[in-house]
Amino acid sequence: MFVHLSDTYSVSIEDIVAVVQDIPLLKGRRRRNKQWQNSEVIHVFPDEPIESYLVTVDAIYGLSMSITGVGRRLQRATTGIPVSLYTKR
């Protein structure tokens, strides 16, 4: 099953590693996780502030939805309900 992040981005639910509010390597001086050292954050909606990050095996996506909202929608997706992690404004 795929989760839609926007009209142009979608990811497989099996590829999702974590949903985090802050990524330590992007904030602060120490790089705590070397596998993310060269990762680029894809801003799903560049005009909106990033509220949470969706980490997949391939990329890190900056989302404008709160971490609790993302968690609730991903929980629905695991039960087979199609979800999207964005709302059209």
PDB file of N, CA and C in Angstrom:
ATOM      1  N   MET A   1       0.840  -1.170   0.000  1.00  0.00           N
ATOM      2  CA  MET A   1       0.000   0.000   0.000  1.00  0.00           C
ATOM      3  C   MET A   1       0.890   1.239   0.000  1.00  0.00           C
ATOM      4  N   PHE A   2       0.428   2.266  -0.690  1.00  0.00           N
ATOM      5  CA  PHE A   2       1.169   3.516  -0.790  1.00  0.00           C
ATOM      6  C   PHE A   2       0.482   4.616   0.002  1.00  0.00           C
ATOM      7  N   VAL A   3       1.289   5.502   0.566  1.00  0.00           N
ATOM      8  CA  VAL A   3       0.799   6.666   1.287  1.00  0.00           C
ATOM      9  C   VAL A   3       1.149   7.886   0.439  1.00  0.00           C
ATOM     10  N   HIS A   4       0.165   8.707   0.149  1.00  0.00           N
ATOM     11  CA  HIS A   4       0.375   9.899  -0.672  1.00  0.00           C
ATOM     12  C   HIS A   4       0.806  11.063   0.209  1.00  0.00           C
ATOM     13  N   LEU A   5       1.968  11.625  -0.110  1.00  0.00           N
ATOM     14  CA  LEU A   5       2.478  12.773   0.629  1.00  0.00           C
ATOM     15  C   LEU A   5       2.014  14.082  -0.001  1.00  0.00           C
ATOM     16  N   SER A   6       1.825  14.063  -1.314  1.00  0.00           N
ATOM     17  CA  SER A   6       1.328  15.219  -2.059  1.00  0.00           C
ATOM     18  C   SER A   6       0.853  14.702  -3.409  1.00  0.00           C
ATOM     19  N   ASP A   7       0.540  15.614  -4.310  1.00  0.00           N
ATOM     20  CA  ASP A   7       0.131  15.188  -5.648  1.00  0.00           C
ATOM     21  C   ASP A   7       1.283  14.534  -6.406  1.00  0.00           C
ATOM     22  N   THR A   8       2.515  14.852  -6.040  1.00  0.00           N
ATOM     23  CA  THR A   8       3.672  14.333  -6.766  1.00  0.00           C
ATOM     24  C   THR A   8       4.475  13.283  -6.008  1.00  0.00           C
ATOM     25  N   TYR A   9       4.331  13.189  -4.691  1.00  0.00           N
ATOM     26  CA  TYR A   9       5.113  12.241  -3.898  1.00  0.00           C
ATOM     27  C   TYR A   9       4.214  11.199  -3.245  1.00  0.00           C
ATOM     28  N   SER A  10       4.627   9.943  -3.363  1.00  0.00           N
ATOM     29  CA  SER A  10       3.976   8.863  -2.613  1.00  0.00           C
ATOM     30  C   SER A  10       5.049   7.844  -2.245  1.00  0.00           C
ATOM     31  N   VAL A  11       4.870   7.197  -1.103  1.00  0.00           N
ATOM     32  CA  VAL A  11       5.842   6.208  -0.636  1.00  0.00           C
ATOM     33  C   VAL A  11       5.111   4.937  -0.235  1.00  0.00           C
ATOM     34  N   SER A  12       5.814   3.837  -0.351  1.00  0.00           N
ATOM     35  CA  SER A  12       5.265   2.560   0.095  1.00  0.00           C
ATOM     36  C   SER A  12       5.309   2.516   1.613  1.00  0.00           C
ATOM     37  N   ILE A  13       4.272   1.991   2.206  1.00  0.00           N
ATOM     38  CA  ILE A  13       4.215   1.930   3.674  1.00  0.00           C
ATOM     39  C   ILE A  13       5.311   1.021   4.227  1.00  0.00           C
ATOM     40  N   GLU A  14       5.777   0.057   3.422  1.00  0.00           N
ATOM     41  CA  GLU A  14       6.854  -0.830   3.864  1.00  0.00           C
ATOM     42  C   GLU A  14       8.204  -0.118   3.910  1.00  0.00           C
ATOM     43  N   ASP A  15       8.349   0.993   3.174  1.00  0.00           N
ATOM     44  CA  ASP A  15       9.617   1.725   3.134  1.00  0.00           C
ATOM     45  C   ASP A  15       9.763   2.749   4.252  1.00  0.00           C
ATOM     46  N   ILE A  16       8.701   2.997   5.014  1.00  0.00           N
ATOM     47  CA  ILE A  16       8.754   4.005   6.073  1.00  0.00           C
ATOM     48  C   ILE A  16       9.531   3.451   7.265  1.00  0.00           C
ATOM     49  N   VAL A  17      10.558   4.192   7.671  1.00  0.00           N
ATOM     50  CA  VAL A  17      11.402   3.792   8.791  1.00  0.00           C
ATOM     51  C   VAL A  17      10.935   4.459  10.079  1.00  0.00           C
ATOM     52  N   ALA A  18      10.651   5.765  10.018  1.00  0.00           N
ATOM     53  CA  ALA A  18      10.265   6.505  11.223  1.00  0.00           C
ATOM     54  C   ALA A  18       9.575   7.802  10.847  1.00  0.00           C
ATOM     55  N   VAL A  19       8.873   8.345  11.818  1.00  0.00           N
ATOM     56  CA  VAL A  19       8.330   9.702  11.739  1.00  0.00           C
ATOM     57  C   VAL A  19       8.879  10.432  12.952  1.00  0.00           C
ATOM     58  N   VAL A  20       9.606  11.510  12.709  1.00  0.00           N
ATOM     59  CA  VAL A  20      10.249  12.235  13.802  1.00  0.00           C
ATOM     60  C   VAL A  20       9.924  13.721  13.710  1.00  0.00           C
ATOM     61  N   GLN A  21      10.046  14.391  14.841  1.00  0.00           N
ATOM     62  CA  GLN A  21       9.777  15.825  14.861  1.00  0.00           C
ATOM     63  C   GLN A  21      11.020  16.621  14.479  1.00  0.00           C
ATOM     64  N   ASP A  22      12.187  16.189  14.925  1.00  0.00           N
ATOM     65  CA  ASP A  22      13.460  16.816  14.579  1.00  0.00           C
ATOM     66  C   ASP A  22      14.453  15.737  14.204  1.00  0.00           C
ATOM     67  N   ILE A  23      15.312  16.061  13.261  1.00  0.00           N
ATOM     68  CA  ILE A  23      16.378  15.138  12.888  1.00  0.00           C
ATOM     69  C   ILE A  23      17.667  15.690  13.486  1.00  0.00           C
ATOM     70  N   PRO A  24      18.299  14.962  14.395  1.00  0.00           N
ATOM     71  CA  PRO A  24      19.471  15.490  15.107  1.00  0.00           C
ATOM     72  C   PRO A  24      20.593  15.968  14.200  1.00  0.00           C
ATOM     73  N   LEU A  25      20.821  15.319  13.064  1.00  0.00           N
ATOM     74  CA  LEU A  25      21.946  15.718  12.240  1.00  0.00           C
ATOM     75  C   LEU A  25      21.685  17.048  11.545  1.00  0.00           C
ATOM     76  N   LEU A  26      20.441  17.418  11.372  1.00  0.00           N
ATOM     77  CA  LEU A  26      20.146  18.683  10.728  1.00  0.00           C
ATOM     78  C   LEU A  26      20.118  19.834  11.724  1.00  0.00           C
ATOM     79  N   LYS A  27      19.975  19.526  12.990  1.00  0.00           N
ATOM     80  CA  LYS A  27      19.939  20.546  14.034  1.00  0.00           C
ATOM     81  C   LYS A  27      21.108  20.278  14.975  1.00  0.00           C
ATOM     82  N   GLY A  28      21.974  21.224  15.153  1.00  0.00           N
ATOM     83  CA  GLY A  28      23.099  21.038  16.056  1.00  0.00           C
ATOM     84  C   GLY A  28      24.376  20.692  15.311  1.00  0.00           C
ATOM     85  N   ARG A  29      25.438  20.533  16.063  1.00  0.00           N
ATOM     86  CA  ARG A  29      26.760  20.343  15.469  1.00  0.00           C
ATOM     87  C   ARG A  29      27.152  18.887  15.292  1.00  0.00           C
ATOM     88  N   ARG A  30      26.705  18.024  16.185  1.00  0.00           N
ATOM     89  CA  ARG A  30      27.131  16.624  16.124  1.00  0.00           C
ATOM     90  C   ARG A  30      26.260  15.840  15.163  1.00  0.00           C
ATOM     91  N   ARG A  31      26.872  15.005  14.396  1.00  0.00           N
ATOM     92  CA  ARG A  31      26.130  14.125  13.492  1.00  0.00           C
ATOM     93  C   ARG A  31      26.009  12.777  14.186  1.00  0.00           C
ATOM     94  N   ARG A  32      24.805  12.491  14.661  1.00  0.00           N
ATOM     95  CA  ARG A  32      24.608  11.300  15.480  1.00  0.00           C
ATOM     96  C   ARG A  32      24.366  10.047  14.666  1.00  0.00           C
ATOM     97  N   ASN A  33      23.908  10.200  13.450  1.00  0.00           N
ATOM     98  CA  ASN A  33      23.577   9.024  12.658  1.00  0.00           C
ATOM     99  C   ASN A  33      24.215   9.166  11.285  1.00  0.00           C
ATOM    100  N   LYS A  34      25.273   8.417  11.027  1.00  0.00           N
ATOM    101  CA  LYS A  34      26.037   8.592   9.800  1.00  0.00           C
ATOM    102  C   LYS A  34      25.276   8.198   8.543  1.00  0.00           C
ATOM    103  N   GLN A  35      24.274   7.325   8.651  1.00  0.00           N
ATOM    104  CA  GLN A  35      23.540   6.934   7.450  1.00  0.00           C
ATOM    105  C   GLN A  35      22.710   8.102   6.908  1.00  0.00           C
ATOM    106  N   TRP A  36      22.372   9.078   7.760  1.00  0.00           N
ATOM    107  CA  TRP A  36      21.618  10.239   7.300  1.00  0.00           C
ATOM    108  C   TRP A  36      22.524  11.405   6.940  1.00  0.00           C
ATOM    109  N   GLN A  37      23.820  11.223   7.075  1.00  0.00           N
ATOM    110  CA  GLN A  37      24.761  12.326   6.916  1.00  0.00           C
ATOM    111  C   GLN A  37      24.640  12.993   5.547  1.00  0.00           C
ATOM    112  N   ASN A  38      24.479  12.221   4.497  1.00  0.00           N
ATOM    113  CA  ASN A  38      24.409  12.784   3.157  1.00  0.00           C
ATOM    114  C   ASN A  38      22.984  12.853   2.623  1.00  0.00           C
ATOM    115  N   SER A  39      22.011  12.571   3.463  1.00  0.00           N
ATOM    116  CA  SER A  39      20.627  12.591   3.013  1.00  0.00           C
ATOM    117  C   SER A  39      20.135  14.014   2.836  1.00  0.00           C
ATOM    118  N   GLU A  40      19.343  14.194   1.809  1.00  0.00           N
ATOM    119  CA  GLU A  40      18.751  15.487   1.524  1.00  0.00           C
ATOM    120  C   GLU A  40      17.282  15.450   1.933  1.00  0.00           C
ATOM    121  N   VAL A  41      16.810  16.506   2.539  1.00  0.00           N
ATOM    122  CA  VAL A  41      15.406  16.577   2.931  1.00  0.00           C
ATOM    123  C   VAL A  41      14.601  17.095   1.745  1.00  0.00           C
ATOM    124  N   ILE A  42      13.573  16.361   1.374  1.00  0.00           N
ATOM    125  CA  ILE A  42      12.682  16.779   0.304  1.00  0.00           C
ATOM    126  C   ILE A  42      11.540  17.556   0.948  1.00  0.00           C
ATOM    127  N   HIS A  43      11.445  18.825   0.649  1.00  0.00           N
ATOM    128  CA  HIS A  43      10.357  19.647   1.170  1.00  0.00           C
ATOM    129  C   HIS A  43       9.126  19.388   0.315  1.00  0.00           C
ATOM    130  N   VAL A  44       8.150  18.694   0.877  1.00  0.00           N
ATOM    131  CA  VAL A  44       6.957  18.326   0.127  1.00  0.00           C
ATOM    132  C   VAL A  44       6.172  19.576  -0.267  1.00  0.00           C
ATOM    133  N   PHE A  45       6.014  20.496   0.666  1.00  0.00           N
ATOM    134  CA  PHE A  45       5.365  21.775   0.386  1.00  0.00           C
ATOM    135  C   PHE A  45       6.334  22.885   0.774  1.00  0.00           C
ATOM    136  N   PRO A  46       7.117  23.413  -0.189  1.00  0.00           N
ATOM    137  CA  PRO A  46       8.168  24.380   0.139  1.00  0.00           C
ATOM    138  C   PRO A  46       7.662  25.674   0.774  1.00  0.00           C
ATOM    139  N   ASP A  47       6.411  26.045   0.526  1.00  0.00           N
ATOM    140  CA  ASP A  47       5.885  27.302   1.057  1.00  0.00           C
ATOM    141  C   ASP A  47       5.397  27.190   2.494  1.00  0.00           C
ATOM    142  N   GLU A  48       5.287  25.979   3.016  1.00  0.00           N
ATOM    143  CA  GLU A  48       4.758  25.775   4.362  1.00  0.00           C
ATOM    144  C   GLU A  48       5.874  25.312   5.306  1.00  0.00           C
ATOM    145  N   PRO A  49       5.794  25.673   6.584  1.00  0.00           N
ATOM    146  CA  PRO A  49       6.833  25.241   7.535  1.00  0.00           C
ATOM    147  C   PRO A  49       6.771  23.736   7.791  1.00  0.00           C
ATOM    148  N   ILE A  50       7.927  23.151   8.059  1.00  0.00           N
ATOM    149  CA  ILE A  50       8.003  21.712   8.320  1.00  0.00           C
ATOM    150  C   ILE A  50       7.642  21.450   9.777  1.00  0.00           C
ATOM    151  N   GLU A  51       6.661  20.584   9.979  1.00  0.00           N
ATOM    152  CA  GLU A  51       6.214  20.202  11.324  1.00  0.00           C
ATOM    153  C   GLU A  51       6.813  18.860  11.751  1.00  0.00           C
ATOM    154  N   SER A  52       7.024  17.956  10.771  1.00  0.00           N
ATOM    155  CA  SER A  52       7.560  16.631  11.082  1.00  0.00           C
ATOM    156  C   SER A  52       8.298  16.097   9.860  1.00  0.00           C
ATOM    157  N   TYR A  53       9.077  15.051  10.086  1.00  0.00           N
ATOM    158  CA  TYR A  53       9.859  14.430   9.020  1.00  0.00           C
ATOM    159  C   TYR A  53       9.454  12.972   8.890  1.00  0.00           C
ATOM    160  N   LEU A  54       9.276  12.523   7.655  1.00  0.00           N
ATOM    161  CA  LEU A  54       8.990  11.124   7.365  1.00  0.00           C
ATOM    162  C   LEU A  54      10.267  10.521   6.797  1.00  0.00           C
ATOM    163  N   VAL A  55      10.844   9.570   7.506  1.00  0.00           N
ATOM    164  CA  VAL A  55      12.106   8.954   7.103  1.00  0.00           C
ATOM    165  C   VAL A  55      11.795   7.634   6.419  1.00  0.00           C
ATOM    166  N   THR A  56      12.271   7.484   5.181  1.00  0.00           N
ATOM    167  CA  THR A  56      12.117   6.228   4.451  1.00  0.00           C
ATOM    168  C   THR A  56      13.503   5.656   4.182  1.00  0.00           C
ATOM    169  N   VAL A  57      13.553   4.493   3.566  1.00  0.00           N
ATOM    170  CA  VAL A  57      14.846   3.880   3.270  1.00  0.00           C
ATOM    171  C   VAL A  57      15.616   4.675   2.227  1.00  0.00           C
ATOM    172  N   ASP A  58      14.924   5.474   1.417  1.00  0.00           N
ATOM    173  CA  ASP A  58      15.575   6.211   0.336  1.00  0.00           C
ATOM    174  C   ASP A  58      15.748   7.701   0.585  1.00  0.00           C
ATOM    175  N   ALA A  59      14.840   8.311   1.344  1.00  0.00           N
ATOM    176  CA  ALA A  59      14.847   9.766   1.469  1.00  0.00           C
ATOM    177  C   ALA A  59      14.222  10.204   2.785  1.00  0.00           C
ATOM    178  N   ILE A  60      14.343  11.493   3.050  1.00  0.00           N
ATOM    179  CA  ILE A  60      13.698  12.122   4.201  1.00  0.00           C
ATOM    180  C   ILE A  60      12.766  13.193   3.649  1.00  0.00           C
ATOM    181  N   TYR A  61      11.504  13.132   4.038  1.00  0.00           N
ATOM    182  CA  TYR A  61      10.501  14.073   3.546  1.00  0.00           C
ATOM    183  C   TYR A  61      10.092  15.021   4.668  1.00  0.00           C
ATOM    184  N   GLY A  62      10.103  16.315   4.389  1.00  0.00           N
ATOM    185  CA  GLY A  62       9.631  17.309   5.339  1.00  0.00           C
ATOM    186  C   GLY A  62       8.152  17.544   5.122  1.00  0.00           C
ATOM    187  N   LEU A  63       7.340  17.286   6.149  1.00  0.00           N
ATOM    188  CA  LEU A  63       5.889  17.404   6.033  1.00  0.00           C
ATOM    189  C   LEU A  63       5.383  18.608   6.813  1.00  0.00           C
ATOM    190  N   SER A  64       4.281  19.167   6.361  1.00  0.00           N
ATOM    191  CA  SER A  64       3.689  20.308   7.062  1.00  0.00           C
ATOM    192  C   SER A  64       2.592  19.869   8.024  1.00  0.00           C
ATOM    193  N   MET A  65       2.509  18.570   8.314  1.00  0.00           N
ATOM    194  CA  MET A  65       1.512  18.032   9.239  1.00  0.00           C
ATOM    195  C   MET A  65       2.195  17.682  10.562  1.00  0.00           C
ATOM    196  N   SER A  66       1.462  17.806  11.655  1.00  0.00           N
ATOM    197  CA  SER A  66       2.042  17.489  12.961  1.00  0.00           C
ATOM    198  C   SER A  66       2.357  15.998  13.062  1.00  0.00           C
ATOM    199  N   ILE A  67       3.246  15.662  13.965  1.00  0.00           N
ATOM    200  CA  ILE A  67       3.668  14.271  14.122  1.00  0.00           C
ATOM    201  C   ILE A  67       2.507  13.390  14.591  1.00  0.00           C
ATOM    202  N   THR A  68       1.606  13.934  15.402  1.00  0.00           N
ATOM    203  CA  THR A  68       0.454  13.138  15.846  1.00  0.00           C
ATOM    204  C   THR A  68      -0.521  12.898  14.704  1.00  0.00           C
ATOM    205  N   GLY A  69      -0.702  13.890  13.852  1.00  0.00           N
ATOM    206  CA  GLY A  69      -1.576  13.716  12.685  1.00  0.00           C
ATOM    207  C   GLY A  69      -1.029  12.681  11.719  1.00  0.00           C
ATOM    208  N   VAL A  70       0.279  12.721  11.493  1.00  0.00           N
ATOM    209  CA  VAL A  70       0.919  11.728  10.626  1.00  0.00           C
ATOM    210  C   VAL A  70       0.768  10.338  11.231  1.00  0.00           C
ATOM    211  N   GLY A  71       0.990  10.223  12.541  1.00  0.00           N
ATOM    212  CA  GLY A  71       0.867   8.926  13.216  1.00  0.00           C
ATOM    213  C   GLY A  71      -0.526   8.342  13.094  1.00  0.00           C
ATOM    214  N   ARG A  72      -1.554   9.177  13.278  1.00  0.00           N
ATOM    215  CA  ARG A  72      -2.932   8.692  13.161  1.00  0.00           C
ATOM    216  C   ARG A  72      -3.235   8.198  11.752  1.00  0.00           C
ATOM    217  N   ARG A  73      -2.787   8.952  10.749  1.00  0.00           N
ATOM    218  CA  ARG A  73      -3.063   8.542   9.368  1.00  0.00           C
ATOM    219  C   ARG A  73      -2.291   7.289   8.982  1.00  0.00           C
ATOM    220  N   LEU A  74      -1.062   7.157   9.455  1.00  0.00           N
ATOM    221  CA  LEU A  74      -0.300   5.940   9.155  1.00  0.00           C
ATOM    222  C   LEU A  74      -0.901   4.730   9.855  1.00  0.00           C
ATOM    223  N   GLN A  75      -1.462   4.933  11.023  1.00  0.00           N
ATOM    224  CA  GLN A  75      -2.134   3.838  11.725  1.00  0.00           C
ATOM    225  C   GLN A  75      -3.332   3.342  10.914  1.00  0.00           C
ATOM    226  N   ARG A  76      -4.081   4.279  10.322  1.00  0.00           N
ATOM    227  CA  ARG A  76      -5.199   3.893   9.456  1.00  0.00           C
ATOM    228  C   ARG A  76      -4.706   3.150   8.221  1.00  0.00           C
ATOM    229  N   ALA A  77      -3.570   3.590   7.677  1.00  0.00           N
ATOM    230  CA  ALA A  77      -3.035   2.957   6.471  1.00  0.00           C
ATOM    231  C   ALA A  77      -2.645   1.512   6.731  1.00  0.00           C
ATOM    232  N   THR A  78      -2.155   1.207   7.925  1.00  0.00           N
ATOM    233  CA  THR A  78      -1.763  -0.174   8.225  1.00  0.00           C
ATOM    234  C   THR A  78      -2.968  -1.102   8.300  1.00  0.00           C
ATOM    235  N   THR A  79      -4.155  -0.542   8.503  1.00  0.00           N
ATOM    236  CA  THR A  79      -5.365  -1.370   8.517  1.00  0.00           C
ATOM    237  C   THR A  79      -5.981  -1.506   7.135  1.00  0.00           C
ATOM    238  N   GLY A  80      -5.366  -0.868   6.127  1.00  0.00           N
ATOM    239  CA  GLY A  80      -5.858  -1.002   4.761  1.00  0.00           C
ATOM    240  C   GLY A  80      -6.683   0.164   4.267  1.00  0.00           C
ATOM    241  N   ILE A  81      -6.862   1.185   5.090  1.00  0.00           N
ATOM    242  CA  ILE A  81      -7.618   2.366   4.670  1.00  0.00           C
ATOM    243  C   ILE A  81      -6.681   3.283   3.885  1.00  0.00           C
ATOM    244  N   PRO A  82      -7.032   3.670   2.647  1.00  0.00           N
ATOM    245  CA  PRO A  82      -6.167   4.580   1.885  1.00  0.00           C
ATOM    246  C   PRO A  82      -6.108   5.955   2.552  1.00  0.00           C
ATOM    247  N   VAL A  83      -4.912   6.497   2.689  1.00  0.00           N
ATOM    248  CA  VAL A  83      -4.744   7.798   3.340  1.00  0.00           C
ATOM    249  C   VAL A  83      -3.807   8.679   2.535  1.00  0.00           C
ATOM    250  N   SER A  84      -3.893   9.975   2.790  1.00  0.00           N
ATOM    251  CA  SER A  84      -2.923  10.920   2.256  1.00  0.00           C
ATOM    252  C   SER A  84      -2.434  11.770   3.415  1.00  0.00           C
ATOM    253  N   LEU A  85      -1.189  12.176   3.356  1.00  0.00           N
ATOM    254  CA  LEU A  85      -0.591  12.956   4.435  1.00  0.00           C
ATOM    255  C   LEU A  85      -0.590  14.441   4.102  1.00  0.00           C
ATOM    256  N   TYR A  86      -1.578  14.869   3.372  1.00  0.00           N
ATOM    257  CA  TYR A  86      -1.710  16.284   3.071  1.00  0.00           C
ATOM    258  C   TYR A  86      -3.176  16.611   2.862  1.00  0.00           C
ATOM    259  N   THR A  87      -3.494  17.859   2.990  1.00  0.00           N
ATOM    260  CA  THR A  87      -4.845  18.328   2.700  1.00  0.00           C
ATOM    261  C   THR A  87      -4.734  19.442   1.679  1.00  0.00           C
ATOM    262  N   LYS A  88      -5.589  19.435   0.711  1.00  0.00           N
ATOM    263  CA  LYS A  88      -5.560  20.486  -0.306  1.00  0.00           C
ATOM    264  C   LYS A  88      -6.200  21.732   0.270  1.00  0.00           C
ATOM    265  N   ARG A  89      -5.514  22.846   0.127  1.00  0.00           N
ATOM    266  CA  ARG A  89      -6.037  24.108   0.674  1.00  0.00           C
ATOM    267  C   ARG A  89      -6.608  24.961  -0.414  1.00  0.00           C
TER     268      ARG A  89
END
